[in-house]
PDB file of all heavy atoms in Angstrom:
ATOM      1  N   GLY A   1       4.952   2.335  20.374  1.00  0.00           N
ATOM      2  CA  GLY A   1       3.881   1.834  21.218  1.00  0.00           C
ATOM      3  C   GLY A   1       2.728   1.196  20.479  1.00  0.00           C
ATOM      4  O   GLY A   1       1.724   0.820  21.092  1.00  0.00           O
ATOM      5  N   LYS A   2       2.861   1.066  19.160  1.00  0.00           N
ATOM      6  CA  LYS A   2       1.784   0.476  18.369  1.00  0.00           C
ATOM      7  C   LYS A   2       2.278  -0.747  17.615  1.00  0.00           C
ATOM      8  O   LYS A   2       3.468  -0.942  17.428  1.00  0.00           O
ATOM      9  CB  LYS A   2       1.223   1.508  17.385  1.00  0.00           C
ATOM     10  CG  LYS A   2       0.534   2.682  18.045  1.00  0.00           C
ATOM     11  CD  LYS A   2      -0.143   3.560  17.019  1.00  0.00           C
ATOM     12  CE  LYS A   2      -0.903   4.700  17.692  1.00  0.00           C
ATOM     13  NZ  LYS A   2      -1.601   5.560  16.679  1.00  0.00           N
ATOM     14  N   GLN A   3       1.322  -1.555  17.181  1.00  0.00           N
ATOM     15  CA  GLN A   3       1.671  -2.733  16.386  1.00  0.00           C
ATOM     16  C   GLN A   3       1.991  -2.330  14.949  1.00  0.00           C
ATOM     17  O   GLN A   3       1.535  -1.303  14.456  1.00  0.00           O
ATOM     18  CB  GLN A   3       0.499  -3.726  16.390  1.00  0.00           C
ATOM     19  CG  GLN A   3       0.281  -4.419  17.731  1.00  0.00           C
ATOM     20  CD  GLN A   3      -0.736  -5.543  17.641  1.00  0.00           C
ATOM     21  OE1 GLN A   3      -1.635  -5.513  16.797  1.00  0.00           O
ATOM     22  NE2 GLN A   3      -0.584  -6.537  18.487  1.00  0.00           N
ATOM     23  N   ARG A   4       2.787  -3.152  14.307  1.00  0.00           N
ATOM     24  CA  ARG A   4       3.099  -2.921  12.902  1.00  0.00           C
ATOM     25  C   ARG A   4       1.831  -3.114  12.080  1.00  0.00           C
ATOM     26  O   ARG A   4       1.089  -4.071  12.295  1.00  0.00           O
ATOM     27  CB  ARG A   4       4.190  -3.884  12.434  1.00  0.00           C
ATOM     28  CG  ARG A   4       4.757  -3.563  11.067  1.00  0.00           C
ATOM     29  CD  ARG A   4       5.950  -4.457  10.740  1.00  0.00           C
ATOM     30  NE  ARG A   4       7.054  -4.256  11.673  1.00  0.00           N
ATOM     31  CZ  ARG A   4       8.256  -4.805  11.508  1.00  0.00           C
ATOM     32  NH1 ARG A   4       8.494  -5.573  10.452  1.00  0.00           N
ATOM     33  NH2 ARG A   4       9.206  -4.577  12.387  1.00  0.00           N
ATOM     34  N   GLU A   5       1.603  -2.202  11.134  1.00  0.00           N
ATOM     35  CA  GLU A   5       0.419  -2.299  10.302  1.00  0.00           C
ATOM     36  C   GLU A   5       0.802  -2.239   8.826  1.00  0.00           C
ATOM     37  O   GLU A   5       1.784  -1.609   8.433  1.00  0.00           O
ATOM     38  CB  GLU A   5      -0.577  -1.167  10.606  1.00  0.00           C
ATOM     39  CG  GLU A   5      -0.118   0.217  10.226  1.00  0.00           C
ATOM     40  CD  GLU A   5      -1.218   1.261  10.282  1.00  0.00           C
ATOM     41  OE1 GLU A   5      -2.416   0.907  10.405  1.00  0.00           O
ATOM     42  OE2 GLU A   5      -0.877   2.466  10.189  1.00  0.00           O
ATOM     43  N   ALA A   6      -0.009  -2.928   8.019  1.00  0.00           N
ATOM     44  CA  ALA A   6       0.185  -2.884   6.581  1.00  0.00           C
ATOM     45  C   ALA A   6      -0.318  -1.551   6.050  1.00  0.00           C
ATOM     46  O   ALA A   6      -1.405  -1.098   6.417  1.00  0.00           O
ATOM     47  CB  ALA A   6      -0.558  -4.032   5.917  1.00  0.00           C
ATOM     48  N   VAL A   7       0.475  -0.933   5.202  1.00  0.00           N
ATOM     49  CA  VAL A   7       0.133   0.374   4.637  1.00  0.00           C
ATOM     50  C   VAL A   7      -0.334   0.238   3.189  1.00  0.00           C
ATOM     51  O   VAL A   7      -1.374   0.763   2.810  1.00  0.00           O
ATOM     52  CB  VAL A   7       1.336   1.321   4.713  1.00  0.00           C
ATOM     53  CG1 VAL A   7       1.011   2.652   4.028  1.00  0.00           C
ATOM     54  CG2 VAL A   7       1.753   1.547   6.153  1.00  0.00           C
ATOM     55  N   ALA A   8       0.461  -0.456   2.383  1.00  0.00           N
ATOM     56  CA  ALA A   8       0.133  -0.591   0.964  1.00  0.00           C
ATOM     57  C   ALA A   8       0.814  -1.831   0.420  1.00  0.00           C
ATOM     58  O   ALA A   8       1.862  -2.243   0.920  1.00  0.00           O
ATOM     59  CB  ALA A   8       0.595   0.641   0.184  1.00  0.00           C
ATOM     60  N   SER A   9       0.220  -2.412  -0.611  1.00  0.00           N
ATOM     61  CA  SER A   9       0.812  -3.588  -1.243  1.00  0.00           C
ATOM     62  C   SER A   9       0.534  -3.563  -2.739  1.00  0.00           C
ATOM     63  O   SER A   9      -0.411  -2.918  -3.201  1.00  0.00           O
ATOM     64  CB  SER A   9       0.273  -4.878  -0.631  1.00  0.00           C
ATOM     65  OG  SER A   9      -1.124  -4.999  -0.868  1.00  0.00           O
ATOM     66  N   ILE A  10       1.391  -4.283  -3.465  1.00  0.00           N
ATOM     67  CA  ILE A  10       1.228  -4.388  -4.911  1.00  0.00           C
ATOM     68  C   ILE A  10       1.476  -5.828  -5.336  1.00  0.00           C
ATOM     69  O   ILE A  10       2.418  -6.467  -4.865  1.00  0.00           O
ATOM     70  CB  ILE A  10       2.158  -3.396  -5.646  1.00  0.00           C
ATOM     71  CG1 ILE A  10       1.876  -3.398  -7.147  1.00  0.00           C
ATOM     72  CG2 ILE A  10       3.631  -3.685  -5.358  1.00  0.00           C
ATOM     73  CD1 ILE A  10       2.516  -2.204  -7.881  1.00  0.00           C
ATOM     74  N   SER A  11       0.603  -6.319  -6.187  1.00  0.00           N
ATOM     75  CA  SER A  11       0.696  -7.697  -6.663  1.00  0.00           C
ATOM     76  C   SER A  11       1.455  -7.751  -7.979  1.00  0.00           C
ATOM     77  O   SER A  11       1.661  -6.721  -8.619  1.00  0.00           O
ATOM     78  CB  SER A  11      -0.717  -8.261  -6.853  1.00  0.00           C
ATOM     79  OG  SER A  11      -1.443  -8.235  -5.661  1.00  0.00           O
ATOM     80  N   PRO A  12       1.835  -8.961  -8.407  1.00  0.00           N
ATOM     81  CA  PRO A  12       2.551  -9.079  -9.689  1.00  0.00           C
ATOM     82  C   PRO A  12       1.767  -8.511 -10.871  1.00  0.00           C
ATOM     83  O   PRO A  12       2.374  -8.031 -11.833  1.00  0.00           O
ATOM     84  CB  PRO A  12       2.758 -10.583  -9.828  1.00  0.00           C
ATOM     85  CG  PRO A  12       2.825 -11.071  -8.423  1.00  0.00           C
ATOM     86  CD  PRO A  12       1.826 -10.229  -7.682  1.00  0.00           C
ATOM     87  N   ASP A  13       0.430  -8.540 -10.786  1.00  0.00           N
ATOM     88  CA  ASP A  13      -0.363  -8.009 -11.898  1.00  0.00           C
ATOM     89  C   ASP A  13      -0.559  -6.506 -11.813  1.00  0.00           C
ATOM     90  O   ASP A  13      -1.232  -5.912 -12.653  1.00  0.00           O
ATOM     91  CB  ASP A  13      -1.731  -8.711 -11.973  1.00  0.00           C
ATOM     92  CG  ASP A  13      -2.604  -8.437 -10.761  1.00  0.00           C
ATOM     93  OD1 ASP A  13      -2.173  -7.690  -9.854  1.00  0.00           O
ATOM     94  OD2 ASP A  13      -3.727  -8.969 -10.708  1.00  0.00           O
ATOM     95  N   GLY A  14       0.037  -5.898 -10.775  1.00  0.00           N
ATOM     96  CA  GLY A  14      -0.042  -4.443 -10.631  1.00  0.00           C
ATOM     97  C   GLY A  14      -1.179  -3.948  -9.769  1.00  0.00           C
ATOM     98  O   GLY A  14      -1.275  -2.741  -9.523  1.00  0.00           O
ATOM     99  N   SER A  15      -2.029  -4.830  -9.312  1.00  0.00           N
ATOM    100  CA  SER A  15      -3.131  -4.395  -8.459  1.00  0.00           C
ATOM    101  C   SER A  15      -2.589  -3.960  -7.102  1.00  0.00           C
ATOM    102  O   SER A  15      -1.604  -4.510  -6.611  1.00  0.00           O
ATOM    103  CB  SER A  15      -4.163  -5.506  -8.303  1.00  0.00           C
ATOM    104  OG  SER A  15      -3.569  -6.647  -7.739  1.00  0.00           O
ATOM    105  N   THR A  16      -3.221  -2.955  -6.534  1.00  0.00           N
ATOM    106  CA  THR A  16      -2.736  -2.363  -5.291  1.00  0.00           C
ATOM    107  C   THR A  16      -3.817  -2.351  -4.216  1.00  0.00           C
ATOM    108  O   THR A  16      -5.019  -2.379  -4.519  1.00  0.00           O
ATOM    109  CB  THR A  16      -2.252  -0.923  -5.529  1.00  0.00           C
ATOM    110  OG1 THR A  16      -3.323  -0.150  -6.082  1.00  0.00           O
ATOM    111  CG2 THR A  16      -1.078  -0.896  -6.494  1.00  0.00           C
ATOM    112  N   ASN A  17      -3.362  -2.277  -2.986  1.00  0.00           N
ATOM    113  CA  ASN A  17      -4.263  -2.153  -1.844  1.00  0.00           C
ATOM    114  C   ASN A  17      -3.658  -1.174  -0.855  1.00  0.00           C
ATOM    115  O   ASN A  17      -2.431  -1.111  -0.713  1.00  0.00           O
ATOM    116  CB  ASN A  17      -4.485  -3.505  -1.160  1.00  0.00           C
ATOM    117  CG  ASN A  17      -5.519  -4.336  -1.873  1.00  0.00           C
ATOM    118  OD1 ASN A  17      -6.703  -4.035  -1.866  1.00  0.00           O
ATOM    119  ND2 ASN A  17      -5.068  -5.394  -2.517  1.00  0.00           N
ATOM    120  N   TYR A  18      -4.523  -0.444  -0.161  1.00  0.00           N
ATOM    121  CA  TYR A  18      -4.077   0.543   0.808  1.00  0.00           C
ATOM    122  C   TYR A  18      -4.913   0.467   2.077  1.00  0.00           C
ATOM    123  O   TYR A  18      -6.119   0.158   2.029  1.00  0.00           O
ATOM    124  CB  TYR A  18      -4.218   1.966   0.236  1.00  0.00           C
ATOM    125  CG  TYR A  18      -3.414   2.219  -1.000  1.00  0.00           C
ATOM    126  CD1 TYR A  18      -3.954   2.002  -2.263  1.00  0.00           C
ATOM    127  CD2 TYR A  18      -2.108   2.670  -0.923  1.00  0.00           C
ATOM    128  CE1 TYR A  18      -3.216   2.224  -3.411  1.00  0.00           C
ATOM    129  CE2 TYR A  18      -1.360   2.911  -2.067  1.00  0.00           C
ATOM    130  CZ  TYR A  18      -1.921   2.676  -3.299  1.00  0.00           C
ATOM    131  OH  TYR A  18      -1.168   2.901  -4.433  1.00  0.00           O
ATOM    132  N   VAL A  19      -4.283   0.779   3.188  1.00  0.00           N
ATOM    133  CA  VAL A  19      -5.055   0.941   4.416  1.00  0.00           C
ATOM    134  C   VAL A  19      -5.874   2.217   4.275  1.00  0.00           C
ATOM    135  O   VAL A  19      -5.456   3.178   3.597  1.00  0.00           O
ATOM    136  CB  VAL A  19      -4.106   0.979   5.635  1.00  0.00           C
ATOM    137  CG1 VAL A  19      -3.248   2.243   5.626  1.00  0.00           C
ATOM    138  CG2 VAL A  19      -4.887   0.862   6.925  1.00  0.00           C
ATOM    139  N   ASP A  20      -7.043   2.255   4.871  1.00  0.00           N
ATOM    140  CA  ASP A  20      -7.964   3.376   4.672  1.00  0.00           C
ATOM    141  C   ASP A  20      -7.333   4.723   5.013  1.00  0.00           C
ATOM    142  O   ASP A  20      -7.606   5.733   4.346  1.00  0.00           O
ATOM    143  CB  ASP A  20      -9.225   3.174   5.514  1.00  0.00           C
ATOM    144  CG  ASP A  20     -10.149   2.126   4.941  1.00  0.00           C
ATOM    145  OD1 ASP A  20      -9.963   1.734   3.763  1.00  0.00           O
ATOM    146  OD2 ASP A  20     -11.055   1.682   5.665  1.00  0.00           O
ATOM    147  N   SER A  21      -6.489   4.757   6.022  1.00  0.00           N
ATOM    148  CA  SER A  21      -5.949   6.026   6.504  1.00  0.00           C
ATOM    149  C   SER A  21      -5.013   6.706   5.510  1.00  0.00           C
ATOM    150  O   SER A  21      -4.700   7.891   5.675  1.00  0.00           O
ATOM    151  CB  SER A  21      -5.231   5.823   7.843  1.00  0.00           C
ATOM    152  OG  SER A  21      -4.173   4.897   7.699  1.00  0.00           O
ATOM    153  N   VAL A  22      -4.537   5.989   4.494  1.00  0.00           N
ATOM    154  CA  VAL A  22      -3.607   6.598   3.532  1.00  0.00           C
ATOM    155  C   VAL A  22      -4.183   6.679   2.121  1.00  0.00           C
ATOM    156  O   VAL A  22      -3.533   7.221   1.220  1.00  0.00           O
ATOM    157  CB  VAL A  22      -2.256   5.845   3.480  1.00  0.00           C
ATOM    158  CG1 VAL A  22      -1.670   5.687   4.876  1.00  0.00           C
ATOM    159  CG2 VAL A  22      -2.398   4.493   2.798  1.00  0.00           C
ATOM    160  N   LYS A  23      -5.383   6.165   1.929  1.00  0.00           N
ATOM    161  CA  LYS A  23      -5.988   6.195   0.597  1.00  0.00           C
ATOM    162  C   LYS A  23      -6.118   7.630   0.094  1.00  0.00           C
ATOM    163  O   LYS A  23      -6.559   8.513   0.821  1.00  0.00           O
ATOM    164  CB  LYS A  23      -7.357   5.516   0.617  1.00  0.00           C
ATOM    165  CG  LYS A  23      -7.283   4.005   0.692  1.00  0.00           C
ATOM    166  CD  LYS A  23      -8.672   3.372   0.702  1.00  0.00           C
ATOM    167  CE  LYS A  23      -8.583   1.867   0.772  1.00  0.00           C
ATOM    168  NZ  LYS A  23      -9.919   1.228   0.859  1.00  0.00           N
ATOM    169  N   GLY A  24      -5.719   7.843  -1.149  1.00  0.00           N
ATOM    170  CA  GLY A  24      -5.776   9.171  -1.731  1.00  0.00           C
ATOM    171  C   GLY A  24      -4.551  10.010  -1.441  1.00  0.00           C
ATOM    172  O   GLY A  24      -4.373  11.081  -2.034  1.00  0.00           O
ATOM    173  N   ARG A  25      -3.692   9.542  -0.548  1.00  0.00           N
ATOM    174  CA  ARG A  25      -2.474  10.297  -0.198  1.00  0.00           C
ATOM    175  C   ARG A  25      -1.203   9.544  -0.574  1.00  0.00           C
ATOM    176  O   ARG A  25      -0.210  10.148  -0.963  1.00  0.00           O
ATOM    177  CB  ARG A  25      -2.455  10.600   1.299  1.00  0.00           C
ATOM    178  CG  ARG A  25      -3.628  11.426   1.777  1.00  0.00           C
ATOM    179  CD  ARG A  25      -3.445  11.872   3.228  1.00  0.00           C
ATOM    180  NE  ARG A  25      -3.364  10.746   4.158  1.00  0.00           N
ATOM    181  CZ  ARG A  25      -2.322  10.527   4.973  1.00  0.00           C
ATOM    182  NH1 ARG A  25      -1.281  11.340   4.954  1.00  0.00           N
ATOM    183  NH2 ARG A  25      -2.333   9.491   5.801  1.00  0.00           N
ATOM    184  N   PHE A  26      -1.212   8.229  -0.423  1.00  0.00           N
ATOM    185  CA  PHE A  26      -0.038   7.403  -0.704  1.00  0.00           C
ATOM    186  C   PHE A  26      -0.248   6.615  -1.991  1.00  0.00           C
ATOM    187  O   PHE A  26      -1.378   6.205  -2.303  1.00  0.00           O
ATOM    188  CB  PHE A  26       0.210   6.408   0.429  1.00  0.00           C
ATOM    189  CG  PHE A  26       0.672   7.008   1.723  1.00  0.00           C
ATOM    190  CD1 PHE A  26       0.658   8.383   1.954  1.00  0.00           C
ATOM    191  CD2 PHE A  26       1.144   6.179   2.737  1.00  0.00           C
ATOM    192  CE1 PHE A  26       1.083   8.925   3.144  1.00  0.00           C
ATOM    193  CE2 PHE A  26       1.581   6.708   3.946  1.00  0.00           C
ATOM    194  CZ  PHE A  26       1.535   8.076   4.154  1.00  0.00           C
ATOM    195  N   THR A  27       0.845   6.380  -2.707  1.00  0.00           N
ATOM    196  CA  THR A  27       0.793   5.566  -3.914  1.00  0.00           C
ATOM    197  C   THR A  27       1.971   4.600  -3.917  1.00  0.00           C
ATOM    198  O   THR A  27       3.122   5.023  -3.806  1.00  0.00           O
ATOM    199  CB  THR A  27       0.857   6.437  -5.178  1.00  0.00           C
ATOM    200  OG1 THR A  27      -0.216   7.387  -5.174  1.00  0.00           O
ATOM    201  CG2 THR A  27       0.744   5.566  -6.432  1.00  0.00           C
ATOM    202  N   ILE A  28       1.665   3.313  -4.062  1.00  0.00           N
ATOM    203  CA  ILE A  28       2.723   2.302  -4.187  1.00  0.00           C
ATOM    204  C   ILE A  28       2.905   1.998  -5.668  1.00  0.00           C
ATOM    205  O   ILE A  28       1.927   1.941  -6.438  1.00  0.00           O
ATOM    206  CB  ILE A  28       2.371   1.025  -3.392  1.00  0.00           C
ATOM    207  CG1 ILE A  28       3.556   0.063  -3.375  1.00  0.00           C
ATOM    208  CG2 ILE A  28       1.114   0.349  -3.931  1.00  0.00           C
ATOM    209  CD1 ILE A  28       3.381  -1.115  -2.409  1.00  0.00           C
ATOM    210  N   SER A  29       4.157   1.832  -6.059  1.00  0.00           N
ATOM    211  CA  SER A  29       4.452   1.519  -7.456  1.00  0.00           C
ATOM    212  C   SER A  29       5.695   0.645  -7.521  1.00  0.00           C
ATOM    213  O   SER A  29       6.422   0.504  -6.537  1.00  0.00           O
ATOM    214  CB  SER A  29       4.644   2.794  -8.273  1.00  0.00           C
ATOM    215  OG  SER A  29       5.749   3.536  -7.785  1.00  0.00           O
ATOM    216  N   ARG A  30       5.926   0.088  -8.703  1.00  0.00           N
ATOM    217  CA  ARG A  30       7.071  -0.827  -8.852  1.00  0.00           C
ATOM    218  C   ARG A  30       7.756  -0.551 -10.178  1.00  0.00           C
ATOM    219  O   ARG A  30       7.090  -0.370 -11.208  1.00  0.00           O
ATOM    220  CB  ARG A  30       6.587  -2.270  -8.793  1.00  0.00           C
ATOM    221  CG  ARG A  30       7.679  -3.302  -8.880  1.00  0.00           C
ATOM    222  CD  ARG A  30       7.116  -4.680  -8.547  1.00  0.00           C
ATOM    223  NE  ARG A  30       6.139  -5.132  -9.526  1.00  0.00           N
ATOM    224  CZ  ARG A  30       6.429  -5.960 -10.527  1.00  0.00           C
ATOM    225  NH1 ARG A  30       7.674  -6.367 -10.701  1.00  0.00           N
ATOM    226  NH2 ARG A  30       5.495  -6.356 -11.346  1.00  0.00           N
ATOM    227  N   ASP A  31       9.067  -0.501 -10.131  1.00  0.00           N
ATOM    228  CA  ASP A  31       9.892  -0.404 -11.333  1.00  0.00           C
ATOM    229  C   ASP A  31      10.342  -1.819 -11.646  1.00  0.00           C
ATOM    230  O   ASP A  31      11.240  -2.348 -10.993  1.00  0.00           O
ATOM    231  CB  ASP A  31      11.076   0.523 -11.082  1.00  0.00           C
ATOM    232  CG  ASP A  31      11.937   0.710 -12.319  1.00  0.00           C
ATOM    233  OD1 ASP A  31      12.038  -0.230 -13.147  1.00  0.00           O
ATOM    234  OD2 ASP A  31      12.503   1.803 -12.477  1.00  0.00           O
ATOM    235  N   THR A  32       9.694  -2.431 -12.621  1.00  0.00           N
ATOM    236  CA  THR A  32       9.939  -3.849 -12.884  1.00  0.00           C
ATOM    237  C   THR A  32      11.389  -4.151 -13.254  1.00  0.00           C
ATOM    238  O   THR A  32      11.971  -5.071 -12.688  1.00  0.00           O
ATOM    239  CB  THR A  32       8.984  -4.357 -13.966  1.00  0.00           C
ATOM    240  OG1 THR A  32       7.636  -4.141 -13.536  1.00  0.00           O
ATOM    241  CG2 THR A  32       9.194  -5.836 -14.230  1.00  0.00           C
TER     242      THR A  32
END
């Protein structure tokens, strides 16, 4: 019943972004 929302993202340089509701709880990472 809700719209799709962005949770976390990671850029090629490794910088990350999180939606406020998951900050401090979720971690995005990449195995290059």
